[in-house]
Amino acid sequence: MSETIALFSYGTLQDPKVQLATYGRLIDGEPDSLPGYVLVQLVIDDPYVISVSGKEVHTIARRTGDPANRVPGTILMLTPAELVSSDDYEAEGYARTEVTLESGRRAFVYVEAAGLRVTD
């Protein structure tokens, strides 16, 4: 069996057209949530990301540390090459980190990069 990597997506990587452009296939996922984070808006200036997603404003997960805060999303099981494609797709401002989701599963997720503070 080939290696798969869990990636938690709360945004455009759940969109079928973004998945086709990024991975060349559709990926079914399992619902979960990311505790201790909220979503804030991030203006995207990468023309490729805008053309694929159709959006100039995306959301980004900001850590609050408050366990009452939750971000709903989907766990996508990716190949190592698809994870690299995800890194290539995500715009400046996103940083990939590993977290524990509400279900107790470990997964990678893209969150607000250290030192970046987007407006609420």
N, C-alpha and C. Protein backbone atom coordinates (compact mmCIF):
# COMPACT_ATOMS: atom_id res chain seq x y z
N MET A 1 0.85 -1.19 0.00
CA MET A 1 0.00 0.00 0.00
C MET A 1 0.88 1.24 0.00
N SER A 2 0.53 2.22 -0.81
CA SER A 2 1.34 3.44 -0.89
C SER A 2 1.07 4.34 0.32
N GLU A 3 2.08 5.11 0.66
CA GLU A 3 1.99 6.01 1.81
C GLU A 3 0.98 7.11 1.54
N THR A 4 0.16 7.41 2.56
CA THR A 4 -0.74 8.56 2.47
C THR A 4 -0.50 9.47 3.67
N ILE A 5 -0.79 10.72 3.47
CA ILE A 5 -0.56 11.75 4.47
C ILE A 5 -1.87 12.50 4.66
N ALA A 6 -2.26 12.71 5.93
CA ALA A 6 -3.50 13.43 6.24
C ALA A 6 -3.25 14.93 6.17
N LEU A 7 -4.10 15.62 5.41
CA LEU A 7 -4.09 17.08 5.33
C LEU A 7 -5.49 17.56 5.66
N PHE A 8 -5.61 18.43 6.65
CA PHE A 8 -6.90 19.00 7.02
C PHE A 8 -7.11 20.26 6.21
N SER A 9 -8.22 20.33 5.50
CA SER A 9 -8.54 21.50 4.69
C SER A 9 -9.84 22.12 5.19
N TYR A 10 -9.81 23.43 5.36
CA TYR A 10 -11.00 24.18 5.75
C TYR A 10 -11.41 25.15 4.65
N GLY A 11 -10.68 25.13 3.54
CA GLY A 11 -10.90 26.13 2.50
C GLY A 11 -10.95 25.55 1.11
N THR A 12 -10.25 26.23 0.20
CA THR A 12 -10.40 25.94 -1.22
C THR A 12 -9.90 24.57 -1.65
N LEU A 13 -9.05 23.93 -0.88
CA LEU A 13 -8.59 22.59 -1.26
C LEU A 13 -9.71 21.55 -1.17
N GLN A 14 -10.85 21.93 -0.62
CA GLN A 14 -12.02 21.06 -0.62
C GLN A 14 -12.82 21.19 -1.92
N ASP A 15 -12.56 22.24 -2.69
CA ASP A 15 -13.30 22.55 -3.91
C ASP A 15 -12.88 21.60 -5.03
N PRO A 16 -13.84 20.93 -5.69
CA PRO A 16 -13.48 19.98 -6.76
C PRO A 16 -12.60 20.58 -7.85
N LYS A 17 -12.87 21.82 -8.28
CA LYS A 17 -12.05 22.39 -9.37
C LYS A 17 -10.63 22.67 -8.89
N VAL A 18 -10.45 23.03 -7.62
CA VAL A 18 -9.11 23.24 -7.07
C VAL A 18 -8.40 21.90 -6.94
N GLN A 19 -9.11 20.86 -6.50
CA GLN A 19 -8.51 19.54 -6.40
C GLN A 19 -8.05 19.02 -7.76
N LEU A 20 -8.88 19.19 -8.77
CA LEU A 20 -8.49 18.73 -10.11
C LEU A 20 -7.26 19.47 -10.62
N ALA A 21 -7.21 20.78 -10.39
CA ALA A 21 -6.06 21.57 -10.83
C ALA A 21 -4.80 21.26 -10.03
N THR A 22 -4.96 20.95 -8.75
CA THR A 22 -3.82 20.74 -7.86
C THR A 22 -3.33 19.29 -7.85
N TYR A 23 -4.29 18.34 -7.86
CA TYR A 23 -3.94 16.92 -7.72
C TYR A 23 -4.23 16.09 -8.96
N GLY A 24 -5.02 16.62 -9.87
CA GLY A 24 -5.40 15.86 -11.06
C GLY A 24 -6.46 14.81 -10.77
N ARG A 25 -7.07 14.89 -9.61
CA ARG A 25 -8.13 13.95 -9.23
C ARG A 25 -8.98 14.57 -8.12
N LEU A 26 -10.15 13.99 -7.91
CA LEU A 26 -11.00 14.40 -6.81
C LEU A 26 -10.68 13.54 -5.60
N ILE A 27 -10.71 14.14 -4.42
CA ILE A 27 -10.36 13.44 -3.19
C ILE A 27 -11.54 13.52 -2.22
N ASP A 28 -12.08 12.36 -1.88
CA ASP A 28 -13.10 12.32 -0.83
C ASP A 28 -12.41 12.49 0.50
N GLY A 29 -13.08 13.11 1.42
CA GLY A 29 -12.49 13.30 2.73
C GLY A 29 -13.46 12.98 3.84
N GLU A 30 -12.95 13.09 5.05
CA GLU A 30 -13.76 12.86 6.24
C GLU A 30 -13.88 14.17 7.00
N PRO A 31 -15.09 14.50 7.47
CA PRO A 31 -15.25 15.74 8.24
C PRO A 31 -14.52 15.66 9.58
N ASP A 32 -14.01 16.78 10.01
CA ASP A 32 -13.36 16.91 11.32
C ASP A 32 -13.33 18.40 11.63
N SER A 33 -12.71 18.78 12.72
CA SER A 33 -12.56 20.20 13.01
C SER A 33 -11.24 20.45 13.73
N LEU A 34 -10.82 21.69 13.63
CA LEU A 34 -9.55 22.14 14.19
C LEU A 34 -9.84 23.00 15.41
N PRO A 35 -9.61 22.47 16.63
CA PRO A 35 -9.89 23.27 17.83
C PRO A 35 -8.79 24.30 18.09
N GLY A 36 -9.21 25.41 18.72
CA GLY A 36 -8.25 26.43 19.11
C GLY A 36 -7.88 27.41 18.01
N TYR A 37 -8.68 27.44 16.94
CA TYR A 37 -8.42 28.33 15.81
C TYR A 37 -9.72 28.99 15.36
N VAL A 38 -9.59 30.15 14.72
CA VAL A 38 -10.69 30.83 14.04
C VAL A 38 -10.23 31.15 12.62
N LEU A 39 -11.19 31.42 11.75
CA LEU A 39 -10.86 31.82 10.38
C LEU A 39 -10.90 33.32 10.24
N VAL A 40 -9.92 33.88 9.55
CA VAL A 40 -9.89 35.28 9.19
C VAL A 40 -9.64 35.36 7.68
N GLN A 41 -9.93 36.51 7.11
CA GLN A 41 -9.76 36.67 5.66
C GLN A 41 -8.33 37.03 5.30
N LEU A 42 -7.91 36.53 4.14
CA LEU A 42 -6.59 36.82 3.60
C LEU A 42 -6.74 37.16 2.13
N VAL A 43 -6.28 38.34 1.74
CA VAL A 43 -6.32 38.75 0.33
C VAL A 43 -5.19 38.06 -0.40
N ILE A 44 -5.54 37.40 -1.49
CA ILE A 44 -4.57 36.64 -2.30
C ILE A 44 -4.12 37.50 -3.47
N ASP A 45 -2.80 37.53 -3.72
CA ASP A 45 -2.31 38.29 -4.87
C ASP A 45 -1.64 37.40 -5.91
N ASP A 46 -1.65 36.09 -5.70
CA ASP A 46 -1.06 35.15 -6.65
C ASP A 46 -2.07 34.90 -7.78
N PRO A 47 -1.76 35.34 -9.02
CA PRO A 47 -2.71 35.19 -10.13
C PRO A 47 -3.12 33.74 -10.39
N TYR A 48 -2.19 32.80 -10.22
CA TYR A 48 -2.53 31.39 -10.46
C TYR A 48 -3.56 30.91 -9.44
N VAL A 49 -3.34 31.18 -8.17
CA VAL A 49 -4.27 30.74 -7.12
C VAL A 49 -5.64 31.37 -7.35
N ILE A 50 -5.67 32.64 -7.71
CA ILE A 50 -6.94 33.31 -7.98
C ILE A 50 -7.64 32.67 -9.17
N SER A 51 -6.89 32.33 -10.22
CA SER A 51 -7.51 31.74 -11.41
C SER A 51 -8.07 30.35 -11.11
N VAL A 52 -7.39 29.58 -10.27
CA VAL A 52 -7.86 28.23 -9.94
C VAL A 52 -9.04 28.27 -8.98
N SER A 53 -8.95 29.10 -7.95
CA SER A 53 -10.01 29.13 -6.93
C SER A 53 -11.18 30.03 -7.32
N GLY A 54 -10.90 31.00 -8.19
CA GLY A 54 -11.94 31.97 -8.55
C GLY A 54 -12.18 33.00 -7.47
N LYS A 55 -11.27 33.09 -6.49
CA LYS A 55 -11.46 34.00 -5.35
C LYS A 55 -10.20 34.80 -5.08
N GLU A 56 -10.37 36.10 -4.83
CA GLU A 56 -9.25 36.94 -4.42
C GLU A 56 -9.09 36.97 -2.91
N VAL A 57 -10.14 36.58 -2.19
CA VAL A 57 -10.08 36.56 -0.74
C VAL A 57 -10.33 35.13 -0.27
N HIS A 58 -9.36 34.58 0.45
CA HIS A 58 -9.47 33.24 1.03
C HIS A 58 -9.57 33.40 2.54
N THR A 59 -9.72 32.28 3.23
CA THR A 59 -9.65 32.32 4.69
C THR A 59 -8.36 31.65 5.12
N ILE A 60 -7.93 32.02 6.32
CA ILE A 60 -6.72 31.44 6.90
C ILE A 60 -7.01 31.19 8.38
N ALA A 61 -6.51 30.08 8.89
CA ALA A 61 -6.73 29.72 10.29
C ALA A 61 -5.73 30.45 11.17
N ARG A 62 -6.27 31.14 12.17
CA ARG A 62 -5.45 31.87 13.14
C ARG A 62 -5.61 31.19 14.50
N ARG A 63 -4.50 30.87 15.12
CA ARG A 63 -4.53 30.23 16.44
C ARG A 63 -5.01 31.20 17.50
N THR A 64 -5.97 30.74 18.30
CA THR A 64 -6.45 31.52 19.45
C THR A 64 -6.06 30.84 20.76
N GLY A 65 -5.88 29.51 20.70
CA GLY A 65 -5.61 28.75 21.91
C GLY A 65 -6.85 28.48 22.73
N ASP A 66 -7.98 29.05 22.34
CA ASP A 66 -9.24 28.84 23.06
C ASP A 66 -9.90 27.57 22.54
N PRO A 67 -10.02 26.53 23.38
CA PRO A 67 -10.59 25.27 22.90
C PRO A 67 -12.05 25.39 22.47
N ALA A 68 -12.71 26.48 22.83
CA ALA A 68 -14.09 26.69 22.39
C ALA A 68 -14.15 27.09 20.91
N ASN A 69 -13.06 27.63 20.38
CA ASN A 69 -13.00 27.99 18.96
C ASN A 69 -12.77 26.74 18.14
N ARG A 70 -13.48 26.62 17.03
CA ARG A 70 -13.36 25.45 16.16
C ARG A 70 -13.47 25.89 14.70
N VAL A 71 -12.68 25.26 13.85
CA VAL A 71 -12.76 25.47 12.42
C VAL A 71 -13.17 24.14 11.79
N PRO A 72 -14.36 24.08 11.16
CA PRO A 72 -14.78 22.84 10.50
C PRO A 72 -14.04 22.66 9.18
N GLY A 73 -13.88 21.41 8.79
CA GLY A 73 -13.22 21.13 7.52
C GLY A 73 -13.24 19.66 7.22
N THR A 74 -12.29 19.25 6.38
CA THR A 74 -12.23 17.90 5.85
C THR A 74 -10.81 17.38 5.88
N ILE A 75 -10.64 16.12 6.29
CA ILE A 75 -9.34 15.46 6.21
C ILE A 75 -9.21 14.84 4.83
N LEU A 76 -8.18 15.25 4.09
CA LEU A 76 -7.87 14.69 2.78
C LEU A 76 -6.66 13.79 2.92
N MET A 77 -6.72 12.60 2.34
CA MET A 77 -5.59 11.68 2.36
C MET A 77 -4.83 11.84 1.04
N LEU A 78 -3.59 12.32 1.15
CA LEU A 78 -2.78 12.67 -0.01
C LEU A 78 -1.53 11.79 -0.10
N THR A 79 -1.02 11.69 -1.31
CA THR A 79 0.30 11.08 -1.51
C THR A 79 1.35 12.13 -1.15
N PRO A 80 2.59 11.72 -0.92
CA PRO A 80 3.64 12.71 -0.67
C PRO A 80 3.75 13.75 -1.80
N ALA A 81 3.62 13.31 -3.05
CA ALA A 81 3.69 14.25 -4.18
C ALA A 81 2.53 15.24 -4.15
N GLU A 82 1.35 14.78 -3.75
CA GLU A 82 0.19 15.68 -3.66
C GLU A 82 0.36 16.69 -2.54
N LEU A 83 1.02 16.29 -1.46
CA LEU A 83 1.29 17.25 -0.39
C LEU A 83 2.21 18.36 -0.89
N VAL A 84 3.20 18.00 -1.69
CA VAL A 84 4.08 19.00 -2.30
C VAL A 84 3.27 19.91 -3.22
N SER A 85 2.33 19.35 -3.97
CA SER A 85 1.46 20.16 -4.83
C SER A 85 0.62 21.12 -4.00
N SER A 86 0.18 20.68 -2.82
CA SER A 86 -0.56 21.56 -1.92
C SER A 86 0.31 22.72 -1.47
N ASP A 87 1.57 22.42 -1.13
CA ASP A 87 2.51 23.47 -0.73
C ASP A 87 2.67 24.49 -1.86
N ASP A 88 2.76 24.00 -3.09
CA ASP A 88 2.92 24.89 -4.24
C ASP A 88 1.68 25.76 -4.46
N TYR A 89 0.49 25.20 -4.19
CA TYR A 89 -0.76 25.92 -4.40
C TYR A 89 -0.98 27.01 -3.35
N GLU A 90 -0.67 26.71 -2.11
CA GLU A 90 -0.96 27.66 -1.04
C GLU A 90 -0.15 28.94 -1.21
N ALA A 91 -0.85 30.05 -1.08
CA ALA A 91 -0.25 31.36 -1.30
C ALA A 91 0.64 31.77 -0.13
N GLU A 92 1.40 32.82 -0.37
CA GLU A 92 2.24 33.39 0.68
C GLU A 92 1.36 33.76 1.86
N GLY A 93 1.86 33.52 3.05
CA GLY A 93 1.09 33.82 4.25
C GLY A 93 0.62 32.56 4.96
N TYR A 94 0.54 31.45 4.21
CA TYR A 94 0.15 30.17 4.80
C TYR A 94 1.40 29.39 5.19
N ALA A 95 1.35 28.74 6.33
CA ALA A 95 2.44 27.87 6.77
C ALA A 95 1.84 26.51 7.12
N ARG A 96 2.50 25.45 6.66
CA ARG A 96 2.02 24.10 6.97
C ARG A 96 2.57 23.67 8.31
N THR A 97 1.68 23.15 9.16
CA THR A 97 2.06 22.64 10.47
C THR A 97 1.27 21.38 10.76
N GLU A 98 1.72 20.61 11.71
CA GLU A 98 1.01 19.40 12.11
C GLU A 98 0.23 19.68 13.39
N VAL A 99 -1.01 19.23 13.43
CA VAL A 99 -1.90 19.50 14.56
C VAL A 99 -2.66 18.24 14.95
N THR A 100 -3.29 18.30 16.11
CA THR A 100 -4.23 17.26 16.53
C THR A 100 -5.63 17.83 16.34
N LEU A 101 -6.44 17.12 15.58
CA LEU A 101 -7.80 17.56 15.29
C LEU A 101 -8.74 17.14 16.41
N GLU A 102 -9.97 17.62 16.34
CA GLU A 102 -10.95 17.32 17.37
C GLU A 102 -11.16 15.82 17.55
N SER A 103 -11.05 15.06 16.47
CA SER A 103 -11.21 13.61 16.52
C SER A 103 -10.05 12.90 17.21
N GLY A 104 -8.95 13.62 17.43
CA GLY A 104 -7.74 13.02 17.98
C GLY A 104 -6.74 12.63 16.90
N ARG A 105 -7.14 12.70 15.64
CA ARG A 105 -6.24 12.36 14.53
C ARG A 105 -5.21 13.48 14.34
N ARG A 106 -4.02 13.09 13.92
CA ARG A 106 -2.98 14.06 13.58
C ARG A 106 -3.05 14.32 12.08
N ALA A 107 -2.86 15.58 11.70
CA ALA A 107 -2.91 15.95 10.29
C ALA A 107 -2.10 17.23 10.10
N PHE A 108 -1.67 17.44 8.87
CA PHE A 108 -1.09 18.72 8.49
C PHE A 108 -2.23 19.68 8.20
N VAL A 109 -1.97 20.96 8.37
CA VAL A 109 -2.93 22.02 8.06
C VAL A 109 -2.15 23.29 7.73
N TYR A 110 -2.73 24.12 6.90
CA TYR A 110 -2.13 25.42 6.59
C TYR A 110 -2.76 26.47 7.48
N VAL A 111 -1.91 27.18 8.22
CA VAL A 111 -2.35 28.20 9.17
C VAL A 111 -1.63 29.51 8.88
N GLU A 112 -2.03 30.54 9.58
CA GLU A 112 -1.40 31.85 9.45
C GLU A 112 0.08 31.73 9.81
N ALA A 113 0.93 32.17 8.88
CA ALA A 113 2.38 32.09 9.09
C ALA A 113 2.81 32.98 10.24
N ALA A 114 3.82 32.55 10.97
CA ALA A 114 4.37 33.34 12.07
C ALA A 114 4.79 34.71 11.55
N GLY A 115 4.46 35.72 12.29
CA GLY A 115 4.82 37.07 11.90
C GLY A 115 3.83 37.74 10.98
N LEU A 116 2.90 36.95 10.42
CA LEU A 116 1.86 37.52 9.57
C LEU A 116 0.67 37.80 10.44
N ARG A 117 0.11 38.96 10.32
CA ARG A 117 -1.10 39.27 11.05
C ARG A 117 -2.04 39.93 10.05
N VAL A 118 -2.98 39.12 9.53
CA VAL A 118 -3.95 39.68 8.59
C VAL A 118 -5.07 40.33 9.37
N THR A 119 -5.80 41.22 8.72
CA THR A 119 -6.89 41.91 9.40
C THR A 119 -8.07 40.97 9.59
N ASP A 120 -8.82 41.23 10.63
CA ASP A 120 -10.02 40.41 10.91
C ASP A 120 -11.16 40.78 9.99
